[in-house]
Amino acid sequence: MNLKKDKILITGSTRGIGLALLRKFHSEGFTVYGTGTNRTSIESAQKVIPNVRYFVYDSKETSLESLAKEIEINEINVLINNSGIQYNDSFEEEGDLSDRMRKELEINFLFPALLIHRILPVFLKKENSKILNLTSALSFVSRKNVLMYSSSKAALSRFTRSLALQLKEYKNIQVVEVIPPLVATDMTKGRVLKGTMSAEKFASEFYRSYQKGKKEFYIGKTGLLHLISKFSGKLAERIVR
């Protein structure tokens, strides 16, 4: 199978992990497409990687439908759901957190799931298609002040694994969970610890797993952390503290 025939859409790819993935796959000769929440962020990304087409995708119903149509029109067969947002909140603090909670749930879980549901009939008709969802080590290890982030990523993790099981009989589609480590991006600014991975290194490791056709991508030491969490949740929590 010639993987470089794949046409890949990466959501949330104007910066950070998404932009690094876009650059890596583009440099390897793949046809890639990106998304950004607005024209300003897209224009900024296109200065870094020109000649790549971007679509506006702001996690609203109208832009979701528009993006789904672009996936069909451009014969895209690989979707990488990378879009994510994280707020650090003390849940017991005063004030209304409903908007922030809703936004994290929508961007991290609901809209990736809705987009998959919308394009799935198209993907199931293709000779070869892939859906890759980026979750988080915080989907299986608890950490304070990121309640909605870890909860939404845990939901996406369960959704991904359940969908993979549900579609097991289809040999032409692969559903993959990608578990990143702590990566140095704008979202993790202020939390750069020893062992934090650069976005470029993450993209390289992701690409190697993609080439090998792995059913799960444990990037960096997340596989070891997952194993530790099965035997000692408290130890795993101390590691990510």
Foldseek 3Di string as FASTA:
>chain_A
DPPQAAEEEEEPCLFFLNVLLQVVNVVVNHQYEYEDQDPVSVVNSCVVPPPHHYAHDNLDPVSLVVVLVVCLVVVHFEYELDFAAFDQAQVPDDDDCVVVLVVRLRNLAVSVVVSCVSNVVVNLPDQAHEYEYEAELLCLAPEHRGVSNNVSSVNRVVVQVVVQVVCVVRPRYAGEYEYDYQEDTPRCPPPDDPPHHYSNQQSVQVVVCVVVVDNYHDPDCSVVLVVVCVVPSVVSRVVSD
